[in-house]
Each structure stands twice: as structure tokens, then as C-alpha cells.
Amino acid sequence: MRLIRLVSALLLCTGVAQASTPAPAPAGPVTRLDHILLWGRGIDQTTSVMAVKLGFQVRPGRDPGGVANRYIRFADSSFVELLGITRPEPEFDPGMKEDQQALKGGPGSRTFGFRTSSLDAIHDALKARHYAVTPFFSGPDSAKPGWRLFAFDRAPLSSNTFFIDYAAGYAPDQFDPANAGDYRATREHPNGARELSSIWLVSADADADRRQLEKMGYGHAVPVKLPAVGAKGFCVPVGPTALLALQPDGEGIAAQTMANGGPRVLGVSFGVADLGRAQRWVERGYERKLATYRGLSGESVLAPTRDDLGLSIEFHAMQPESSPCAGASL
């Protein structure tokens, strides 16, 4: 799939112009967080961490120009796209090159996507608010069901973002809709992960991200603290998912991340069918005992993945349907 190459190129200079006459974007339940782009030190090393240490099932991708991608897909239709350099002097597009420079060649993520069934309406609304949105791009080709997306000419948030929609039946790791059994199996993970529930952004000014999200149509922010990573900021509901706009709060992982690499995706939270199983898998993978804690989504455990992946992975017990920021409070 050529999604990563197009997204990376589009997000070279992502951002937002100042809005004059606000026009609310249709940011209702048709919009949710879709996926992150996660760079590793190498595609096999990252795959090993995700599969062996964390218990995810990793699906094959492609290797265009020396940058390979693989997928971790979930039952709620979200996913993680893994990226890794596979040869000397790979063919970076400008967005890839910028990512690598910002990450200093190390692991981590600085790009994520919103998925929406109202792509045209959101594009028009953001454009009316004087956001410098790009034209639409699509793939993989006209003969197959695929995707459409747009991004920004300058980043509206501290991490790069884009909006995307998929044709019915499209999945980047499987193009044949007749293989329904295979499709379901690719979303079953040994650790019991079923959903991507939140993406955590870290910057020096969480309120700046909150204000931008509100201008984009994503209001109702709730103050939040995450002692497990030493961060505070805001939980912003995006459909059934939550986008956390955070900044360091004393010493901890958030402060270390900002000191060593600047704004980026600080962490990702996944709902699991059995928290005890996910905890045991991570404890075996990292050969250490882990304590649970009361997180934004209830009982949670934080995997010690920062050195391996450049971000934190949180697992939490799945909750009955409720507001994605219902557990947020200072």
C-alpha cells in the first residue's frame, strides 16, 4: 500500500492558519481515531517487540524503496502501521525524511490519523475556517476499493495528522473480501487486544493543542492527569476514542520524551478482553513484574516499551460503552 508514502509526503509541513469566522466542523460520532505510524529501528526488530514481548499479531505489508511497513489490526477497525528501514540509502519522500530527522533515526511516532465518513464535509468546514488543507489523495488504484485522505500544509497540532476514509471492504493487509475468515483472524491477538481507545500527544503546551482541537470542531475537553507517565493536560473525545493533549508534569516519561526528542506521540492505549492475560504476556516478554493502576479507562497496566518503541503502550480492561473521557479528572 502506498498510503504511508503519500501521507508522509503530505505531512512534510503540516499545520494551520489562523481562523477568522468559525464554522463548526462536523466532528460527531462519524469521526474517530484511526491509526498511528510507528517507526522502529528496523522492521524485524519492531515486529519482534510487538509480537514476542507484547503479544500482538503482526501482518505483512510491503517494502517500497527500502522502507517496509507492517500492520497490527483490531476488531474495532483501527490499526497500527509499523515502519522500518530495510536497506542503506532508502528512498525517503520528504515526509519520511522529516520524521527520521525529528526522531533522530530512533523509534517513535509523530503522525496519526482521524477516520471519518464525512470526509468531504470536514474538508469543506476546515477550509472555511481558513485551515490550509491539502487536496484529496486516493489509493491504491482505481481498480480496487481503497482510501481517500487530506492533510494540512502546516501542522495544526503538536504532532502531524490527517483525515482519511476507506471504501467498503478495504483493508491494507487483505484485498480479497471473500476471505472473511482470514479477515477476522487477522484481528485476533494473543494478548486479547480488541480496540485502540486513545492516542496521547505530548508537547510543551497542552492547552495550545486543546485550543486547536476545539477550533477544528473537537471540543468538550476534560482536564486529566496521567501519573504513570508524569503528564497532565486534556482528554478530548473523538467519537468512541480519546485524543490526549498532554505536557510534562514534573519528572517522568513525558519530561524525558520532551527533553530527548520534542513533541510526538507519547503513548497509545488499547482495550483488552482480559487485562490479566495482557499483563502476564508483557511481564514474560520484559521479564519483570508490573503493577496495575487506575487509568483513564479504568484498571490499566503500562508496558515498559519506551526504549524499544519510543512511546508507551497501555493496556486496559475494556469498559461498557461510555464517554471516552468519562474517567478523566484532575
Protein backbone atom coordinates (compact mmCIF):
# COMPACT_ATOMS: atom_id res chain seq x y z
CA MET A 1 0.00 0.00 0.00
CA ARG A 2 1.19 3.44 -0.87
CA LEU A 3 -0.69 5.15 1.96
CA ILE A 4 2.39 5.74 4.09
CA ARG A 5 4.35 7.30 1.25
CA LEU A 6 1.53 9.67 0.33
CA VAL A 7 0.80 10.55 3.95
CA SER A 8 4.47 11.16 4.70
CA ALA A 9 4.83 13.43 1.68
CA LEU A 10 1.65 15.33 2.55
CA LEU A 11 2.74 15.82 6.16
CA LEU A 12 6.13 17.38 5.42
CA CYS A 13 4.95 20.78 6.58
CA THR A 14 1.57 20.08 8.18
CA GLY A 15 -0.23 22.91 10.17
CA VAL A 16 -3.00 25.53 10.33
CA ALA A 17 -3.64 29.18 9.52
CA GLN A 18 -5.45 31.45 11.96
CA ALA A 19 -9.22 31.11 11.71
CA SER A 20 -11.39 34.21 11.28
CA THR A 21 -15.11 33.33 11.14
CA PRO A 22 -15.51 29.95 12.86
CA ALA A 23 -17.75 27.39 11.17
CA PRO A 24 -18.16 24.23 13.24
CA ALA A 25 -16.67 21.12 11.66
CA PRO A 26 -18.96 18.07 11.68
CA ALA A 27 -16.95 16.30 14.34
CA GLY A 28 -19.64 13.93 15.52
CA PRO A 29 -19.63 10.18 16.12
CA VAL A 30 -18.82 9.59 12.42
CA THR A 31 -15.22 10.54 13.26
CA ARG A 32 -12.74 8.52 15.35
CA LEU A 33 -9.01 7.99 15.78
CA ASP A 34 -7.82 5.55 13.11
CA HIS A 35 -4.12 4.69 13.43
CA ILE A 36 -0.59 5.83 14.16
CA LEU A 37 2.55 5.49 12.03
CA LEU A 38 5.21 3.89 14.25
CA TRP A 39 8.87 3.89 13.18
CA GLY A 40 11.24 1.30 14.61
CA ARG A 41 14.97 0.78 14.48
CA GLY A 42 14.26 -1.96 11.94
CA ILE A 43 11.10 -3.65 10.73
CA ASP A 44 12.05 -7.07 12.10
CA GLN A 45 13.13 -5.67 15.47
CA THR A 46 9.86 -3.75 15.83
CA THR A 47 7.85 -6.78 14.72
CA SER A 48 9.61 -8.91 17.34
CA VAL A 49 8.85 -6.42 20.12
CA MET A 50 5.20 -6.13 19.15
CA ALA A 51 4.70 -9.89 18.71
CA VAL A 52 7.01 -11.56 21.26
CA LYS A 53 7.17 -9.02 24.08
CA LEU A 54 3.67 -7.54 23.75
CA GLY A 55 1.56 -10.30 22.20
CA PHE A 56 0.21 -8.60 19.07
CA GLN A 57 -0.32 -10.35 15.75
CA VAL A 58 1.63 -8.51 13.04
CA ARG A 59 0.52 -8.72 9.42
CA PRO A 60 2.74 -8.37 6.33
CA GLY A 61 2.93 -5.17 4.31
CA ARG A 62 5.24 -4.03 1.53
CA ASP A 63 8.77 -2.69 1.09
CA PRO A 64 8.73 0.14 -1.46
CA GLY A 65 12.09 1.89 -1.81
CA GLY A 66 13.70 0.42 1.29
CA VAL A 67 11.01 1.44 3.84
CA ALA A 68 8.89 -1.55 4.83
CA ASN A 69 5.51 -1.43 6.54
CA ARG A 70 3.52 -4.00 8.53
CA TYR A 71 0.17 -3.85 10.29
CA ILE A 72 -1.45 -4.59 13.63
CA ARG A 73 -5.22 -4.51 13.06
CA PHE A 74 -8.00 -4.51 15.68
CA ALA A 75 -11.60 -5.63 15.88
CA ASP A 76 -12.80 -2.01 16.09
CA SER A 77 -11.21 -1.39 12.61
CA SER A 78 -8.31 0.73 13.96
CA PHE A 79 -4.69 -0.30 13.46
CA VAL A 80 -1.01 0.48 13.99
CA GLU A 81 1.25 0.78 10.95
CA LEU A 82 4.84 -0.27 11.65
CA LEU A 83 7.66 1.24 9.58
CA GLY A 84 11.29 0.28 9.27
CA ILE A 85 14.27 0.96 7.03
CA THR A 86 15.43 -2.19 5.22
CA ARG A 87 18.45 -1.05 3.20
CA PRO A 88 21.15 1.64 3.15
CA GLU A 89 20.13 4.90 1.48
CA PRO A 90 16.39 4.19 1.29
CA GLU A 91 14.16 6.24 -0.97
CA PHE A 92 12.68 8.66 1.57
CA ASP A 93 9.98 11.03 0.47
CA PRO A 94 10.19 14.45 2.20
CA GLY A 95 7.79 13.46 4.97
CA MET A 96 9.73 10.32 5.78
CA LYS A 97 12.95 12.28 5.86
CA GLU A 98 11.45 14.82 8.24
CA ASP A 99 10.17 12.04 10.51
CA GLN A 100 13.59 10.43 10.61
CA GLN A 101 15.28 13.74 11.37
CA ALA A 102 12.83 14.53 14.18
CA LEU A 103 13.16 11.01 15.62
CA LYS A 104 16.96 11.13 15.15
CA GLY A 105 16.81 7.76 13.43
CA GLY A 106 15.32 6.16 16.52
CA PRO A 107 11.95 4.58 17.22
CA GLY A 108 8.77 6.54 17.78
CA SER A 109 5.73 8.13 16.23
CA ARG A 110 4.86 11.70 15.25
CA THR A 111 1.94 11.11 12.85
CA PHE A 112 -1.61 9.83 13.41
CA GLY A 113 -4.87 9.83 11.51
CA PHE A 114 -8.55 10.55 12.06
CA ARG A 115 -11.04 8.36 10.19
CA THR A 116 -14.36 9.86 9.13
CA SER A 117 -17.32 9.01 6.93
CA SER A 118 -17.84 12.77 6.43
CA LEU A 119 -14.52 13.45 4.73
CA ASP A 120 -15.85 15.99 2.21
CA ALA A 121 -17.88 17.90 4.77
CA ILE A 122 -14.98 18.12 7.22
CA HIS A 123 -12.62 19.21 4.42
CA ASP A 124 -15.06 21.99 3.43
CA ALA A 125 -15.62 23.08 7.04
CA LEU A 126 -11.90 23.26 7.84
CA LYS A 127 -11.22 25.13 4.61
CA ALA A 128 -13.96 27.63 5.51
CA ARG A 129 -12.18 28.19 8.81
CA HIS A 130 -9.02 29.10 6.85
CA TYR A 131 -7.18 25.90 7.61
CA ALA A 132 -4.61 25.19 4.91
CA VAL A 133 -5.96 21.79 3.93
CA THR A 134 -4.48 19.85 1.03
CA PRO A 135 -6.48 18.48 -1.92
CA PHE A 136 -7.72 14.89 -1.68
CA PHE A 137 -5.41 11.98 -2.45
CA SER A 138 -6.52 8.41 -3.02
CA GLY A 139 -5.19 4.87 -3.47
CA PRO A 140 -4.16 2.21 -4.03
CA ASP A 141 -5.64 2.35 -7.56
CA SER A 142 -8.97 2.83 -9.30
CA ALA A 143 -9.46 -0.92 -9.90
CA LYS A 144 -9.66 -1.78 -6.18
CA PRO A 145 -11.56 -0.37 -3.22
CA GLY A 146 -9.18 1.96 -1.40
CA TRP A 147 -8.94 5.14 0.58
CA ARG A 148 -9.08 8.94 0.32
CA LEU A 149 -7.31 11.41 2.58
CA PHE A 150 -6.37 15.02 3.07
CA ALA A 151 -3.79 16.60 5.36
CA PHE A 152 -2.56 20.15 6.13
CA ASP A 153 0.13 22.43 4.76
CA ARG A 154 1.29 23.24 8.30
CA ALA A 155 0.65 21.24 11.46
CA PRO A 156 -2.46 22.29 13.44
CA LEU A 157 -1.31 20.13 16.37
CA SER A 158 2.00 19.34 18.01
CA SER A 159 2.08 16.03 16.09
CA ASN A 160 1.22 15.64 12.42
CA THR A 161 -2.26 14.49 11.47
CA PHE A 162 -4.52 13.72 8.51
CA PHE A 163 -8.15 12.72 7.83
CA ILE A 164 -8.91 9.53 5.94
CA ASP A 165 -11.86 7.43 4.78
CA TYR A 166 -11.90 3.90 3.38
CA ALA A 167 -14.02 2.24 0.73
CA ALA A 168 -16.25 -0.59 1.93
CA GLY A 169 -14.31 -3.82 2.29
CA TYR A 170 -10.86 -2.20 2.07
CA ALA A 171 -8.04 -3.43 4.33
CA PRO A 172 -4.38 -2.77 3.51
CA ASP A 173 -3.30 -6.26 4.58
CA GLN A 174 -6.01 -8.09 2.66
CA PHE A 175 -7.69 -7.10 -0.60
CA ASP A 176 -9.94 -10.13 -1.20
CA PRO A 177 -13.29 -9.54 0.58
CA ALA A 178 -14.19 -13.21 0.03
CA ASN A 179 -11.70 -14.28 2.72
CA ALA A 180 -13.94 -13.31 5.62
CA GLY A 181 -12.39 -15.91 7.94
CA ASP A 182 -8.87 -14.65 7.27
CA TYR A 183 -10.07 -11.09 7.81
CA ARG A 184 -11.42 -11.93 11.27
CA ALA A 185 -8.33 -13.93 12.21
CA THR A 186 -6.00 -11.01 11.49
CA ARG A 187 -7.76 -9.06 14.25
CA GLU A 188 -7.32 -11.68 16.97
CA HIS A 189 -4.31 -11.10 19.23
CA PRO A 190 -2.73 -13.40 21.82
CA ASN A 191 -2.75 -10.53 24.33
CA GLY A 192 -6.52 -10.06 23.87
CA ALA A 193 -6.31 -6.54 22.41
CA ARG A 194 -9.57 -5.52 20.77
CA GLU A 195 -9.54 -1.76 20.32
CA LEU A 196 -7.42 1.37 20.07
CA SER A 197 -9.00 3.59 22.71
CA SER A 198 -6.70 6.62 22.90
CA ILE A 199 -3.65 8.33 21.43
CA TRP A 200 -1.53 10.51 23.70
CA LEU A 201 0.22 13.59 22.31
CA VAL A 202 2.93 15.38 24.29
CA SER A 203 4.17 18.93 23.79
CA ALA A 204 5.33 21.86 25.88
CA ASP A 205 1.84 23.42 25.78
CA ALA A 206 -1.12 21.07 26.09
CA ASP A 207 -3.58 23.94 26.05
CA ALA A 208 -2.39 25.01 22.59
CA ASP A 209 -3.36 21.58 21.25
CA ARG A 210 -6.67 21.77 23.11
CA ARG A 211 -7.47 25.15 21.54
CA GLN A 212 -6.62 23.90 18.06
CA LEU A 213 -8.77 20.80 18.51
CA GLU A 214 -11.66 22.98 19.64
CA LYS A 215 -11.29 25.17 16.53
CA MET A 216 -11.27 22.03 14.40
CA GLY A 217 -14.61 21.01 15.93
CA TYR A 218 -13.39 18.69 18.69
CA GLY A 219 -14.42 20.34 21.95
CA HIS A 220 -15.63 19.05 25.33
CA ALA A 221 -12.05 18.69 26.63
CA VAL A 222 -11.74 17.34 30.17
CA PRO A 223 -8.68 18.06 32.37
CA VAL A 224 -6.64 14.94 33.07
CA LYS A 225 -3.52 13.75 34.85
CA LEU A 226 -1.50 10.66 33.95
CA PRO A 227 0.82 9.99 36.91
CA ALA A 228 2.08 6.79 35.26
CA VAL A 229 3.94 8.90 32.66
CA GLY A 230 4.25 12.19 34.58
CA ALA A 231 1.88 14.19 32.39
CA LYS A 232 -1.17 16.44 32.63
CA GLY A 233 -3.41 18.10 30.09
CA PHE A 234 -6.73 17.34 28.45
CA CYS A 235 -8.79 14.41 27.23
CA VAL A 236 -10.68 15.27 24.03
CA PRO A 237 -13.40 12.83 22.88
CA VAL A 238 -13.27 11.86 19.19
CA GLY A 239 -16.23 9.58 18.59
CA PRO A 240 -15.67 6.42 20.65
CA THR A 241 -11.96 7.25 21.11
CA ALA A 242 -9.96 9.84 23.06
CA LEU A 243 -7.13 12.14 21.99
CA LEU A 244 -5.00 13.22 24.94
CA ALA A 245 -3.21 16.57 24.66
CA LEU A 246 -0.52 16.41 27.34
CA GLN A 247 2.53 18.19 28.70
CA PRO A 248 5.11 17.14 31.33
CA ASP A 249 4.01 17.31 34.95
CA GLY A 250 7.19 17.02 36.99
CA GLU A 251 9.70 14.28 36.33
CA GLY A 252 8.75 11.19 34.38
CA ILE A 253 8.41 9.69 30.92
CA ALA A 254 6.74 12.79 29.46
CA ALA A 255 9.55 15.09 30.59
CA GLN A 256 12.20 12.63 29.37
CA THR A 257 10.49 12.36 25.99
CA MET A 258 10.33 16.14 25.54
CA ALA A 259 13.94 16.55 26.63
CA ASN A 260 15.21 13.84 24.28
CA GLY A 261 13.03 14.34 21.21
CA GLY A 262 10.38 17.02 21.48
CA PRO A 263 6.67 16.81 20.63
CA ARG A 264 5.39 13.48 19.38
CA VAL A 265 3.00 10.63 20.18
CA LEU A 266 3.76 9.83 23.81
CA GLY A 267 1.63 6.71 24.06
CA VAL A 268 -1.24 4.61 22.80
CA SER A 269 -3.89 2.84 24.87
CA PHE A 270 -5.55 -0.44 23.90
CA GLY A 271 -8.64 -2.11 25.35
CA VAL A 272 -8.17 -5.83 26.03
CA ALA A 273 -10.61 -8.64 26.71
CA ASP A 274 -8.57 -9.94 29.67
CA LEU A 275 -6.21 -7.50 31.42
CA GLY A 276 -4.58 -10.26 33.45
CA ARG A 277 -3.59 -12.12 30.27
CA ALA A 278 -2.15 -8.97 28.68
CA GLN A 279 -0.24 -8.19 31.88
CA ARG A 280 1.19 -11.70 32.10
CA TRP A 281 2.28 -11.59 28.46
CA VAL A 282 4.14 -8.30 28.94
CA GLU A 283 5.70 -9.47 32.21
CA ARG A 284 7.04 -12.56 30.47
CA GLY A 285 8.22 -10.53 27.48
CA TYR A 286 10.08 -7.97 29.60
CA GLU A 287 10.99 -10.34 32.46
CA ARG A 288 9.72 -8.04 35.17
CA LYS A 289 6.66 -7.61 37.36
CA LEU A 290 4.29 -4.76 36.54
CA ALA A 291 1.79 -3.03 38.82
CA THR A 292 -1.68 -2.13 37.66
CA TYR A 293 -3.14 1.32 38.29
CA ARG A 294 -6.40 3.21 37.86
CA GLY A 295 -6.07 4.92 34.48
CA LEU A 296 -8.32 7.00 32.25
CA SER A 297 -10.09 3.83 31.06
CA GLY A 298 -10.15 2.00 34.37
CA GLU A 299 -7.76 -0.72 35.57
CA SER A 300 -4.62 -0.50 33.41
CA VAL A 301 -1.04 -1.64 33.05
CA LEU A 302 1.81 0.25 31.34
CA ALA A 303 4.22 -1.82 29.26
CA PRO A 304 7.88 -0.64 29.53
CA THR A 305 8.21 -0.04 25.79
CA ARG A 306 9.77 3.42 25.64
CA ASP A 307 13.31 2.20 24.88
CA ASP A 308 12.10 -0.34 22.32
CA LEU A 309 9.38 1.68 20.57
CA GLY A 310 9.92 5.32 21.51
CA LEU A 311 6.45 5.50 23.09
CA SER A 312 4.42 3.91 25.87
CA ILE A 313 1.85 1.14 25.38
CA GLU A 314 -1.01 0.99 27.88
CA PHE A 315 -3.42 -1.93 28.18
CA HIS A 316 -6.72 -1.52 29.99
CA ALA A 317 -9.74 -3.70 30.68
CA MET A 318 -12.48 -2.98 28.16
CA GLN A 319 -15.33 -0.91 29.55
CA PRO A 320 -19.06 -0.92 28.73
CA GLU A 321 -19.97 1.81 26.26
CA SER A 322 -19.47 5.23 27.83
CA SER A 323 -17.88 8.57 27.10
CA PRO A 324 -14.21 8.04 26.15
CA CYS A 325 -13.22 10.75 28.65
CA ALA A 326 -15.57 9.66 31.43
CA GLY A 327 -12.64 8.60 33.62
CA ALA A 328 -10.65 11.82 33.14
CA SER A 329 -10.29 14.09 36.14
CA LEU A 330 -7.74 16.16 37.98
